[in-house]
Amino acid sequence: MQQLKVLTLLVAEPAGSTIRGLSSAMRVSLATMSGIVDRLETQDMIARTLDPSDQRVRRVTVTDAGRDTIQHLLAARPELTHFPLDRLALADLEALTQGIRALVAVMQEDLPG
């Protein structure tokens, strides 16, 4: 289940995330998140790459196989594809997206290290 949650987070974030960011989002230790990421990488669901702005940081992104897995799960459960967001106007969705990005940025500033 944790692997599925990580895949879902990564599908929703085109730029990917860091292991620290994922562990914070899921409220698990870095060691636990490293294990989850290792298992997903072994299954070719995610990839680790160097961050273009900081070569010390590894970004975790979803692969096509990981994206396909999420899409197949959603297709098998059509009720999961009908979100209240579908009924929002584009301007409201853009405002919501901006707010969520601002919240994530502030949360990442509060992370130790």
PDB file of N, CA and C in Angstrom:
ATOM      1  N   MET A   1       0.818  -1.186   0.000  1.00  0.00           N
ATOM      2  CA  MET A   1       0.000   0.000   0.000  1.00  0.00           C
ATOM      3  C   MET A   1       0.872   1.265   0.000  1.00  0.00           C
ATOM      4  N   GLN A   2       1.984   1.231   0.736  1.00  0.00           N
ATOM      5  CA  GLN A   2       2.860   2.401   0.757  1.00  0.00           C
ATOM      6  C   GLN A   2       3.477   2.650  -0.614  1.00  0.00           C
ATOM      7  N   GLN A   3       3.798   1.587  -1.321  1.00  0.00           N
ATOM      8  CA  GLN A   3       4.348   1.750  -2.666  1.00  0.00           C
ATOM      9  C   GLN A   3       3.327   2.425  -3.581  1.00  0.00           C
ATOM     10  N   LEU A   4       2.076   2.046  -3.455  1.00  0.00           N
ATOM     11  CA  LEU A   4       1.019   2.652  -4.246  1.00  0.00           C
ATOM     12  C   LEU A   4       0.879   4.140  -3.910  1.00  0.00           C
ATOM     13  N   LYS A   5       0.967   4.472  -2.643  1.00  0.00           N
ATOM     14  CA  LYS A   5       0.879   5.882  -2.236  1.00  0.00           C
ATOM     15  C   LYS A   5       2.033   6.692  -2.828  1.00  0.00           C
ATOM     16  N   VAL A   6       3.225   6.131  -2.805  1.00  0.00           N
ATOM     17  CA  VAL A   6       4.384   6.829  -3.367  1.00  0.00           C
ATOM     18  C   VAL A   6       4.196   7.022  -4.869  1.00  0.00           C
ATOM     19  N   LEU A   7       3.750   5.986  -5.561  1.00  0.00           N
ATOM     20  CA  LEU A   7       3.501   6.118  -7.000  1.00  0.00           C
ATOM     21  C   LEU A   7       2.479   7.209  -7.274  1.00  0.00           C
ATOM     22  N   THR A   8       1.422   7.243  -6.484  1.00  0.00           N
ATOM     23  CA  THR A   8       0.386   8.253  -6.660  1.00  0.00           C
ATOM     24  C   THR A   8       0.939   9.651  -6.450  1.00  0.00           C
ATOM     25  N   LEU A   9       1.751   9.829  -5.424  1.00  0.00           N
ATOM     26  CA  LEU A   9       2.379  11.137  -5.185  1.00  0.00           C
ATOM     27  C   LEU A   9       3.249  11.547  -6.366  1.00  0.00           C
ATOM     28  N   LEU A  10       4.009  10.607  -6.894  1.00  0.00           N
ATOM     29  CA  LEU A  10       4.926  10.928  -7.985  1.00  0.00           C
ATOM     30  C   LEU A  10       4.203  11.190  -9.299  1.00  0.00           C
ATOM     31  N   VAL A  11       3.109  10.497  -9.539  1.00  0.00           N
ATOM     32  CA  VAL A  11       2.321  10.748 -10.745  1.00  0.00           C
ATOM     33  C   VAL A  11       1.764  12.165 -10.715  1.00  0.00           C
ATOM     34  N   ALA A  12       1.411  12.626  -9.524  1.00  0.00           N
ATOM     35  CA  ALA A  12       0.827  13.962  -9.379  1.00  0.00           C
ATOM     36  C   ALA A  12       1.876  15.076  -9.430  1.00  0.00           C
ATOM     37  N   GLU A  13       3.155  14.719  -9.371  1.00  0.00           N
ATOM     38  CA  GLU A  13       4.219  15.721  -9.359  1.00  0.00           C
ATOM     39  C   GLU A  13       5.167  15.475 -10.524  1.00  0.00           C
ATOM     40  N   PRO A  14       4.964  16.179 -11.647  1.00  0.00           N
ATOM     41  CA  PRO A  14       5.779  15.936 -12.847  1.00  0.00           C
ATOM     42  C   PRO A  14       7.281  16.069 -12.630  1.00  0.00           C
ATOM     43  N   ALA A  15       7.711  16.954 -11.747  1.00  0.00           N
ATOM     44  CA  ALA A  15       9.140  17.138 -11.505  1.00  0.00           C
ATOM     45  C   ALA A  15       9.710  16.093 -10.559  1.00  0.00           C
ATOM     46  N   GLY A  16       8.848  15.233 -10.043  1.00  0.00           N
ATOM     47  CA  GLY A  16       9.306  14.234  -9.095  1.00  0.00           C
ATOM     48  C   GLY A  16       9.483  14.812  -7.713  1.00  0.00           C
ATOM     49  N   SER A  17      10.193  14.086  -6.881  1.00  0.00           N
ATOM     50  CA  SER A  17      10.415  14.506  -5.504  1.00  0.00           C
ATOM     51  C   SER A  17      11.743  13.933  -5.046  1.00  0.00           C
ATOM     52  N   THR A  18      12.105  14.261  -3.834  1.00  0.00           N
ATOM     53  CA  THR A  18      13.279  13.668  -3.205  1.00  0.00           C
ATOM     54  C   THR A  18      12.799  12.616  -2.219  1.00  0.00           C
ATOM     55  N   ILE A  19      13.689  11.765  -1.794  1.00  0.00           N
ATOM     56  CA  ILE A  19      13.319  10.772  -0.785  1.00  0.00           C
ATOM     57  C   ILE A  19      12.918  11.493   0.500  1.00  0.00           C
ATOM     58  N   ARG A  20      13.614  12.559   0.829  1.00  0.00           N
ATOM     59  CA  ARG A  20      13.265  13.341   2.023  1.00  0.00           C
ATOM     60  C   ARG A  20      11.854  13.925   1.881  1.00  0.00           C
ATOM     61  N   GLY A  21      11.544  14.461   0.713  1.00  0.00           N
ATOM     62  CA  GLY A  21      10.217  15.025   0.487  1.00  0.00           C
ATOM     63  C   GLY A  21       9.127  13.969   0.573  1.00  0.00           C
ATOM     64  N   LEU A  22       9.392  12.803  -0.001  1.00  0.00           N
ATOM     65  CA  LEU A  22       8.418  11.713   0.066  1.00  0.00           C
ATOM     66  C   LEU A  22       8.234  11.214   1.493  1.00  0.00           C
ATOM     67  N   SER A  23       9.336  11.086   2.234  1.00  0.00           N
ATOM     68  CA  SER A  23       9.218  10.599   3.613  1.00  0.00           C
ATOM     69  C   SER A  23       8.436  11.592   4.461  1.00  0.00           C
ATOM     70  N   SER A  24       8.632  12.872   4.204  1.00  0.00           N
ATOM     71  CA  SER A  24       7.883  13.893   4.930  1.00  0.00           C
ATOM     72  C   SER A  24       6.400  13.844   4.556  1.00  0.00           C
ATOM     73  N   ALA A  25       6.105  13.730   3.275  1.00  0.00           N
ATOM     74  CA  ALA A  25       4.715  13.698   2.815  1.00  0.00           C
ATOM     75  C   ALA A  25       3.965  12.494   3.377  1.00  0.00           C
ATOM     76  N   MET A  26       4.663  11.373   3.508  1.00  0.00           N
ATOM     77  CA  MET A  26       4.011  10.154   3.990  1.00  0.00           C
ATOM     78  C   MET A  26       4.210   9.932   5.486  1.00  0.00           C
ATOM     79  N   ARG A  27       5.004  10.804   6.088  1.00  0.00           N
ATOM     80  CA  ARG A  27       5.262  10.729   7.535  1.00  0.00           C
ATOM     81  C   ARG A  27       5.876   9.393   7.943  1.00  0.00           C
ATOM     82  N   VAL A  28       6.919   9.018   7.202  1.00  0.00           N
ATOM     83  CA  VAL A  28       7.693   7.826   7.537  1.00  0.00           C
ATOM     84  C   VAL A  28       9.163   8.238   7.597  1.00  0.00           C
ATOM     85  N   SER A  29       9.980   7.391   8.169  1.00  0.00           N
ATOM     86  CA  SER A  29      11.405   7.702   8.283  1.00  0.00           C
ATOM     87  C   SER A  29      12.087   7.651   6.920  1.00  0.00           C
ATOM     88  N   LEU A  30      13.254   8.279   6.849  1.00  0.00           N
ATOM     89  CA  LEU A  30      14.042   8.226   5.619  1.00  0.00           C
ATOM     90  C   LEU A  30      14.422   6.786   5.275  1.00  0.00           C
ATOM     91  N   ALA A  31      14.732   5.993   6.294  1.00  0.00           N
ATOM     92  CA  ALA A  31      15.100   4.592   6.063  1.00  0.00           C
ATOM     93  C   ALA A  31      13.927   3.817   5.470  1.00  0.00           C
ATOM     94  N   THR A  32      12.734   4.034   5.995  1.00  0.00           N
ATOM     95  CA  THR A  32      11.542   3.365   5.463  1.00  0.00           C
ATOM     96  C   THR A  32      11.305   3.787   4.026  1.00  0.00           C
ATOM     97  N   MET A  33      11.410   5.088   3.759  1.00  0.00           N
ATOM     98  CA  MET A  33      11.169   5.575   2.404  1.00  0.00           C
ATOM     99  C   MET A  33      12.225   5.049   1.442  1.00  0.00           C
ATOM    100  N   SER A  34      13.466   4.955   1.874  1.00  0.00           N
ATOM    101  CA  SER A  34      14.517   4.397   1.014  1.00  0.00           C
ATOM    102  C   SER A  34      14.178   2.967   0.609  1.00  0.00           C
ATOM    103  N   GLY A  35      13.660   2.186   1.542  1.00  0.00           N
ATOM    104  CA  GLY A  35      13.260   0.818   1.240  1.00  0.00           C
ATOM    105  C   GLY A  35      12.122   0.761   0.233  1.00  0.00           C
ATOM    106  N   ILE A  36      11.133   1.637   0.412  1.00  0.00           N
ATOM    107  CA  ILE A  36       9.998   1.692  -0.515  1.00  0.00           C
ATOM    108  C   ILE A  36      10.492   2.064  -1.909  1.00  0.00           C
ATOM    109  N   VAL A  37      11.335   3.083  -1.975  1.00  0.00           N
ATOM    110  CA  VAL A  37      11.865   3.547  -3.267  1.00  0.00           C
ATOM    111  C   VAL A  37      12.719   2.460  -3.909  1.00  0.00           C
ATOM    112  N   ASP A  38      13.515   1.752  -3.112  1.00  0.00           N
ATOM    113  CA  ASP A  38      14.327   0.652  -3.641  1.00  0.00           C
ATOM    114  C   ASP A  38      13.441  -0.408  -4.297  1.00  0.00           C
ATOM    115  N   ARG A  39      12.349  -0.782  -3.614  1.00  0.00           N
ATOM    116  CA  ARG A  39      11.458  -1.806  -4.165  1.00  0.00           C
ATOM    117  C   ARG A  39      10.785  -1.330  -5.452  1.00  0.00           C
ATOM    118  N   LEU A  40      10.346  -0.077  -5.471  1.00  0.00           N
ATOM    119  CA  LEU A  40       9.719   0.459  -6.681  1.00  0.00           C
ATOM    120  C   LEU A  40      10.720   0.550  -7.830  1.00  0.00           C
ATOM    121  N   GLU A  41      11.953   0.889  -7.519  1.00  0.00           N
ATOM    122  CA  GLU A  41      12.986   0.991  -8.551  1.00  0.00           C
ATOM    123  C   GLU A  41      13.304  -0.396  -9.116  1.00  0.00           C
ATOM    124  N   THR A  42      13.339  -1.395  -8.273  1.00  0.00           N
ATOM    125  CA  THR A  42      13.575  -2.771  -8.716  1.00  0.00           C
ATOM    126  C   THR A  42      12.490  -3.228  -9.687  1.00  0.00           C
ATOM    127  N   GLN A  43      11.272  -2.738  -9.482  1.00  0.00           N
ATOM    128  CA  GLN A  43      10.145  -3.098 -10.344  1.00  0.00           C
ATOM    129  C   GLN A  43      10.020  -2.160 -11.554  1.00  0.00           C
ATOM    130  N   ASP A  44      10.985  -1.257 -11.730  1.00  0.00           N
ATOM    131  CA  ASP A  44      10.994  -0.277 -12.824  1.00  0.00           C
ATOM    132  C   ASP A  44       9.781   0.654 -12.795  1.00  0.00           C
ATOM    133  N   MET A  45       9.253   0.922 -11.599  1.00  0.00           N
ATOM    134  CA  MET A  45       8.115   1.834 -11.460  1.00  0.00           C
ATOM    135  C   MET A  45       8.564   3.278 -11.280  1.00  0.00           C
ATOM    136  N   ILE A  46       9.772   3.446 -10.763  1.00  0.00           N
ATOM    137  CA  ILE A  46      10.329   4.787 -10.551  1.00  0.00           C
ATOM    138  C   ILE A  46      11.773   4.803 -11.016  1.00  0.00           C
ATOM    139  N   ALA A  47      12.304   6.010 -11.166  1.00  0.00           N
ATOM    140  CA  ALA A  47      13.723   6.176 -11.521  1.00  0.00           C
ATOM    141  C   ALA A  47      14.317   7.262 -10.639  1.00  0.00           C
ATOM    142  N   ARG A  48      15.580   7.097 -10.307  1.00  0.00           N
ATOM    143  CA  ARG A  48      16.310   8.127  -9.557  1.00  0.00           C
ATOM    144  C   ARG A  48      17.268   8.812 -10.526  1.00  0.00           C
ATOM    145  N   THR A  49      17.243  10.135 -10.509  1.00  0.00           N
ATOM    146  CA  THR A  49      18.132  10.908 -11.374  1.00  0.00           C
ATOM    147  C   THR A  49      18.732  12.048 -10.573  1.00  0.00           C
ATOM    148  N   LEU A  50      19.828  12.592 -11.095  1.00  0.00           N
ATOM    149  CA  LEU A  50      20.431  13.746 -10.441  1.00  0.00           C
ATOM    150  C   LEU A  50      19.558  14.973 -10.667  1.00  0.00           C
ATOM    151  N   ASP A  51      19.419  15.780  -9.643  1.00  0.00           N
ATOM    152  CA  ASP A  51      18.669  17.027  -9.752  1.00  0.00           C
ATOM    153  C   ASP A  51      19.489  17.999 -10.593  1.00  0.00           C
ATOM    154  N   PRO A  52      18.902  18.563 -11.644  1.00  0.00           N
ATOM    155  CA  PRO A  52      19.673  19.456 -12.514  1.00  0.00           C
ATOM    156  C   PRO A  52      20.180  20.719 -11.810  1.00  0.00           C
ATOM    157  N   SER A  53      19.508  21.144 -10.757  1.00  0.00           N
ATOM    158  CA  SER A  53      19.938  22.368 -10.071  1.00  0.00           C
ATOM    159  C   SER A  53      20.884  22.099  -8.911  1.00  0.00           C
ATOM    160  N   ASP A  54      20.977  20.840  -8.450  1.00  0.00           N
ATOM    161  CA  ASP A  54      21.869  20.503  -7.350  1.00  0.00           C
ATOM    162  C   ASP A  54      22.302  19.047  -7.522  1.00  0.00           C
ATOM    163  N   GLN A  55      23.506  18.835  -8.004  1.00  0.00           N
ATOM    164  CA  GLN A  55      23.996  17.496  -8.332  1.00  0.00           C
ATOM    165  C   GLN A  55      24.143  16.588  -7.108  1.00  0.00           C
ATOM    166  N   ARG A  56      24.024  17.145  -5.910  1.00  0.00           N
ATOM    167  CA  ARG A  56      24.092  16.322  -4.698  1.00  0.00           C
ATOM    168  C   ARG A  56      22.754  15.648  -4.414  1.00  0.00           C
ATOM    169  N   VAL A  57      21.688  16.143  -5.027  1.00  0.00           N
ATOM    170  CA  VAL A  57      20.330  15.676  -4.748  1.00  0.00           C
ATOM    171  C   VAL A  57      19.880  14.704  -5.829  1.00  0.00           C
ATOM    172  N   ARG A  58      19.243  13.616  -5.411  1.00  0.00           N
ATOM    173  CA  ARG A  58      18.658  12.663  -6.348  1.00  0.00           C
ATOM    174  C   ARG A  58      17.152  12.879  -6.365  1.00  0.00           C
ATOM    175  N   ARG A  59      16.589  13.014  -7.565  1.00  0.00           N
ATOM    176  CA  ARG A  59      15.148  13.170  -7.725  1.00  0.00           C
ATOM    177  C   ARG A  59      14.551  11.812  -8.058  1.00  0.00           C
ATOM    178  N   VAL A  60      13.394  11.565  -7.527  1.00  0.00           N
ATOM    179  CA  VAL A  60      12.671  10.331  -7.779  1.00  0.00           C
ATOM    180  C   VAL A  60      11.489  10.685  -8.671  1.00  0.00           C
ATOM    181  N   THR A  61      11.401  10.031  -9.825  1.00  0.00           N
ATOM    182  CA  THR A  61      10.306  10.283 -10.757  1.00  0.00           C
ATOM    183  C   THR A  61       9.647   8.964 -11.134  1.00  0.00           C
ATOM    184  N   VAL A  62       8.394   9.064 -11.517  1.00  0.00           N
ATOM    185  CA  VAL A  62       7.659   7.871 -11.944  1.00  0.00           C
ATOM    186  C   VAL A  62       8.041   7.539 -13.382  1.00  0.00           C
ATOM    187  N   THR A  63       8.143   6.260 -13.691  1.00  0.00           N
ATOM    188  CA  THR A  63       8.444   5.806 -15.055  1.00  0.00           C
ATOM    189  C   THR A  63       7.121   5.571 -15.792  1.00  0.00           C
ATOM    190  N   ASP A  64       7.231   5.281 -17.068  1.00  0.00           N
ATOM    191  CA  ASP A  64       6.033   4.947 -17.838  1.00  0.00           C
ATOM    192  C   ASP A  64       5.331   3.732 -17.245  1.00  0.00           C
ATOM    193  N   ALA A  65       6.106   2.761 -16.782  1.00  0.00           N
ATOM    194  CA  ALA A  65       5.507   1.556 -16.178  1.00  0.00           C
ATOM    195  C   ALA A  65       4.739   1.915 -14.904  1.00  0.00           C
ATOM    196  N   GLY A  66       5.289   2.807 -14.108  1.00  0.00           N
ATOM    197  CA  GLY A  66       4.596   3.244 -12.894  1.00  0.00           C
ATOM    198  C   GLY A  66       3.331   4.013 -13.206  1.00  0.00           C
ATOM    199  N   ARG A  67       3.412   4.885 -14.193  1.00  0.00           N
ATOM    200  CA  ARG A  67       2.241   5.664 -14.621  1.00  0.00           C
ATOM    201  C   ARG A  67       1.156   4.735 -15.170  1.00  0.00           C
ATOM    202  N   ASP A  68       1.571   3.746 -15.960  1.00  0.00           N
ATOM    203  CA  ASP A  68       0.608   2.773 -16.501  1.00  0.00           C
ATOM    204  C   ASP A  68      -0.074   1.988 -15.387  1.00  0.00           C
ATOM    205  N   THR A  69       0.692   1.633 -14.370  1.00  0.00           N
ATOM    206  CA  THR A  69       0.127   0.886 -13.244  1.00  0.00           C
ATOM    207  C   THR A  69      -0.978   1.690 -12.570  1.00  0.00           C
ATOM    208  N   ILE A  70      -0.711   2.961 -12.311  1.00  0.00           N
ATOM    209  CA  ILE A  70      -1.725   3.820 -11.682  1.00  0.00           C
ATOM    210  C   ILE A  70      -2.938   3.953 -12.597  1.00  0.00           C
ATOM    211  N   GLN A  71      -2.718   4.147 -13.882  1.00  0.00           N
ATOM    212  CA  GLN A  71      -3.836   4.280 -14.823  1.00  0.00           C
ATOM    213  C   GLN A  71      -4.678   3.009 -14.874  1.00  0.00           C
ATOM    214  N   HIS A  72      -4.039   1.845 -14.834  1.00  0.00           N
ATOM    215  CA  HIS A  72      -4.785   0.586 -14.847  1.00  0.00           C
ATOM    216  C   HIS A  72      -5.603   0.419 -13.571  1.00  0.00           C
ATOM    217  N   LEU A  73      -5.041   0.820 -12.444  1.00  0.00           N
ATOM    218  CA  LEU A  73      -5.781   0.738 -11.183  1.00  0.00           C
ATOM    219  C   LEU A  73      -6.997   1.655 -11.208  1.00  0.00           C
ATOM    220  N   LEU A  74      -6.825   2.854 -11.736  1.00  0.00           N
ATOM    221  CA  LEU A  74      -7.947   3.784 -11.818  1.00  0.00           C
ATOM    222  C   LEU A  74      -9.004   3.291 -12.804  1.00  0.00           C
ATOM    223  N   ALA A  75      -8.558   2.684 -13.902  1.00  0.00           N
ATOM    224  CA  ALA A  75      -9.507   2.166 -14.887  1.00  0.00           C
ATOM    225  C   ALA A  75     -10.321   1.012 -14.309  1.00  0.00           C
ATOM    226  N   ALA A  76      -9.708   0.243 -13.412  1.00  0.00           N
ATOM    227  CA  ALA A  76     -10.405  -0.883 -12.792  1.00  0.00           C
ATOM    228  C   ALA A  76     -11.414  -0.422 -11.746  1.00  0.00           C
ATOM    229  N   ARG A  77     -11.241   0.782 -11.251  1.00  0.00           N
ATOM    230  CA  ARG A  77     -12.141   1.348 -10.236  1.00  0.00           C
ATOM    231  C   ARG A  77     -12.642   2.697 -10.725  1.00  0.00           C
ATOM    232  N   PRO A  78     -13.641   2.724 -11.610  1.00  0.00           N
ATOM    233  CA  PRO A  78     -14.102   3.979 -12.206  1.00  0.00           C
ATOM    234  C   PRO A  78     -14.547   5.016 -11.184  1.00  0.00           C
ATOM    235  N   GLU A  79     -14.997   4.570 -10.026  1.00  0.00           N
ATOM    236  CA  GLU A  79     -15.432   5.540  -9.012  1.00  0.00           C
ATOM    237  C   GLU A  79     -14.278   6.405  -8.510  1.00  0.00           C
ATOM    238  N   LEU A  80     -13.053   5.926  -8.698  1.00  0.00           N
ATOM    239  CA  LEU A  80     -11.887   6.705  -8.267  1.00  0.00           C
ATOM    240  C   LEU A  80     -11.539   7.818  -9.262  1.00  0.00           C
ATOM    241  N   THR A  81     -12.111   7.774 -10.441  1.00  0.00           N
ATOM    242  CA  THR A  81     -11.772   8.783 -11.441  1.00  0.00           C
ATOM    243  C   THR A  81     -12.725   9.977 -11.423  1.00  0.00           C
ATOM    244  N   HIS A  82     -13.799   9.909 -10.663  1.00  0.00           N
ATOM    245  CA  HIS A  82     -14.767  11.004 -10.600  1.00  0.00           C
ATOM    246  C   HIS A  82     -14.514  11.821  -9.344  1.00  0.00           C
ATOM    247  N   PHE A  83     -13.675  12.800  -9.471  1.00  0.00           N
ATOM    248  CA  PHE A  83     -13.301  13.631  -8.343  1.00  0.00           C
ATOM    249  C   PHE A  83     -14.122  14.912  -8.348  1.00  0.00           C
ATOM    250  N   PRO A  84     -14.327  15.504  -7.194  1.00  0.00           N
ATOM    251  CA  PRO A  84     -15.004  16.801  -7.147  1.00  0.00           C
ATOM    252  C   PRO A  84     -14.262  17.858  -7.961  1.00  0.00           C
ATOM    253  N   LEU A  85     -12.966  17.658  -8.176  1.00  0.00           N
ATOM    254  CA  LEU A  85     -12.186  18.626  -8.944  1.00  0.00           C
ATOM    255  C   LEU A  85     -12.698  18.755 -10.373  1.00  0.00           C
ATOM    256  N   ASP A  86     -13.319  17.694 -10.871  1.00  0.00           N
ATOM    257  CA  ASP A  86     -13.864  17.732 -12.234  1.00  0.00           C
ATOM    258  C   ASP A  86     -14.927  18.812 -12.401  1.00  0.00           C
ATOM    259  N   ARG A  87     -15.549  19.190 -11.300  1.00  0.00           N
ATOM    260  CA  ARG A  87     -16.645  20.162 -11.378  1.00  0.00           C
ATOM    261  C   ARG A  87     -16.188  21.601 -11.141  1.00  0.00           C
ATOM    262  N   LEU A  88     -14.898  21.787 -10.877  1.00  0.00           N
ATOM    263  CA  LEU A  88     -14.388  23.144 -10.641  1.00  0.00           C
ATOM    264  C   LEU A  88     -14.060  23.839 -11.959  1.00  0.00           C
ATOM    265  N   ALA A  89     -14.249  25.139 -11.967  1.00  0.00           N
ATOM    266  CA  ALA A  89     -13.877  25.944 -13.130  1.00  0.00           C
ATOM    267  C   ALA A  89     -12.356  25.987 -13.236  1.00  0.00           C
ATOM    268  N   LEU A  90     -11.852  26.226 -14.442  1.00  0.00           N
ATOM    269  CA  LEU A  90     -10.414  26.260 -14.674  1.00  0.00           C
ATOM    270  C   LEU A  90      -9.718  27.279 -13.764  1.00  0.00           C
ATOM    271  N   ALA A  91     -10.301  28.448 -13.608  1.00  0.00           N
ATOM    272  CA  ALA A  91      -9.697  29.483 -12.757  1.00  0.00           C
ATOM    273  C   ALA A  91      -9.586  28.996 -11.313  1.00  0.00           C
ATOM    274  N   ASP A  92     -10.581  28.277 -10.841  1.00  0.00           N
ATOM    275  CA  ASP A  92     -10.541  27.744  -9.478  1.00  0.00           C
ATOM    276  C   ASP A  92      -9.472  26.657  -9.340  1.00  0.00           C
ATOM    277  N   LEU A  93      -9.352  25.817 -10.361  1.00  0.00           N
ATOM    278  CA  LEU A  93      -8.307  24.788 -10.347  1.00  0.00           C
ATOM    279  C   LEU A  93      -6.912  25.405 -10.350  1.00  0.00           C
ATOM    280  N   GLU A  94      -6.730  26.459 -11.130  1.00  0.00           N
ATOM    281  CA  GLU A  94      -5.432  27.143 -11.167  1.00  0.00           C
ATOM    282  C   GLU A  94      -5.118  27.763  -9.807  1.00  0.00           C
ATOM    283  N   ALA A  95      -6.109  28.353  -9.164  1.00  0.00           N
ATOM    284  CA  ALA A  95      -5.907  28.950  -7.842  1.00  0.00           C
ATOM    285  C   ALA A  95      -5.572  27.867  -6.810  1.00  0.00           C
ATOM    286  N   LEU A  96      -6.271  26.745  -6.894  1.00  0.00           N
ATOM    287  CA  LEU A  96      -6.006  25.636  -5.985  1.00  0.00           C
ATOM    288  C   LEU A  96      -4.591  25.107  -6.177  1.00  0.00           C
ATOM    289  N   THR A  97      -4.182  24.950  -7.428  1.00  0.00           N
ATOM    290  CA  THR A  97      -2.833  24.477  -7.732  1.00  0.00           C
ATOM    291  C   THR A  97      -1.784  25.431  -7.176  1.00  0.00           C
ATOM    292  N   GLN A  98      -1.980  26.723  -7.363  1.00  0.00           N
ATOM    293  CA  GLN A  98      -1.033  27.714  -6.843  1.00  0.00           C
ATOM    294  C   GLN A  98      -0.961  27.624  -5.319  1.00  0.00           C
ATOM    295  N   GLY A  99      -2.098  27.476  -4.676  1.00  0.00           N
ATOM    296  CA  GLY A  99      -2.124  27.369  -3.215  1.00  0.00           C
ATOM    297  C   GLY A  99      -1.413  26.131  -2.711  1.00  0.00           C
ATOM    298  N   ILE A 100      -1.619  25.017  -3.374  1.00  0.00           N
ATOM    299  CA  ILE A 100      -0.968  23.774  -2.957  1.00  0.00           C
ATOM    300  C   ILE A 100       0.539  23.871  -3.164  1.00  0.00           C
ATOM    301  N   ARG A 101       0.962  24.455  -4.283  1.00  0.00           N
ATOM    302  CA  ARG A 101       2.411  24.613  -4.520  1.00  0.00           C
ATOM    303  C   ARG A 101       3.042  25.508  -3.456  1.00  0.00           C
ATOM    304  N   ALA A 102       2.339  26.574  -3.072  1.00  0.00           N
ATOM    305  CA  ALA A 102       2.853  27.466  -2.022  1.00  0.00           C
ATOM    306  C   ALA A 102       2.953  26.721  -0.694  1.00  0.00           C
ATOM    307  N   LEU A 103       1.958  25.918  -0.384  1.00  0.00           N
ATOM    308  CA  LEU A 103       1.964  25.151   0.859  1.00  0.00           C
ATOM    309  C   LEU A 103       3.120  24.153   0.876  1.00  0.00           C
ATOM    310  N   VAL A 104       3.321  23.446  -0.228  1.00  0.00           N
ATOM    311  CA  VAL A 104       4.422  22.480  -0.322  1.00  0.00           C
ATOM    312  C   VAL A 104       5.768  23.186  -0.170  1.00  0.00           C
ATOM    313  N   ALA A 105       5.923  24.342  -0.791  1.00  0.00           N
ATOM    314  CA  ALA A 105       7.185  25.093  -0.690  1.00  0.00           C
ATOM    315  C   ALA A 105       7.473  25.470   0.753  1.00  0.00           C
ATOM    316  N   VAL A 106       6.469  25.946   1.464  1.00  0.00           N
ATOM    317  CA  VAL A 106       6.658  26.333   2.863  1.00  0.00           C
ATOM    318  C   VAL A 106       6.980  25.104   3.705  1.00  0.00           C
ATOM    319  N   MET A 107       6.304  23.991   3.444  1.00  0.00           N
ATOM    320  CA  MET A 107       6.569  22.773   4.197  1.00  0.00           C
ATOM    321  C   MET A 107       7.989  22.278   3.963  1.00  0.00           C
ATOM    322  N   GLN A 108       8.478  22.396   2.727  1.00  0.00           N
ATOM    323  CA  GLN A 108       9.835  21.942   2.430  1.00  0.00           C
ATOM    324  C   GLN A 108      10.868  22.845   3.096  1.00  0.00           C
ATOM    325  N   GLU A 109      10.558  24.130   3.268  1.00  0.00           N
ATOM    326  CA  GLU A 109      11.478  25.031   3.970  1.00  0.00           C
ATOM    327  C   GLU A 109      11.642  24.626   5.427  1.00  0.00           C
ATOM    328  N   ASP A 110      10.597  24.031   5.996  1.00  0.00           N
ATOM    329  CA  ASP A 110      10.623  23.638   7.400  1.00  0.00           C
ATOM    330  C   ASP A 110      11.342  22.321   7.653  1.00  0.00           C
ATOM    331  N   LEU A 111      11.692  21.600   6.578  1.00  0.00           N
ATOM    332  CA  LEU A 111      12.371  20.314   6.736  1.00  0.00           C
ATOM    333  C   LEU A 111      13.789  20.530   7.245  1.00  0.00           C
ATOM    334  N   PRO A 112      14.216  19.677   8.178  1.00  0.00           N
ATOM    335  CA  PRO A 112      15.599  19.811   8.657  1.00  0.00           C
ATOM    336  C   PRO A 112      16.588  19.397   7.563  1.00  0.00           C
ATOM    337  N   GLY A 113      17.743  20.011   7.594  1.00  0.00           N
ATOM    338  CA  GLY A 113      18.815  19.599   6.692  1.00  0.00           C
ATOM    339  C   GLY A 113      18.899  20.427   5.520  1.00  0.00           C
TER     340      GLY A 113
END
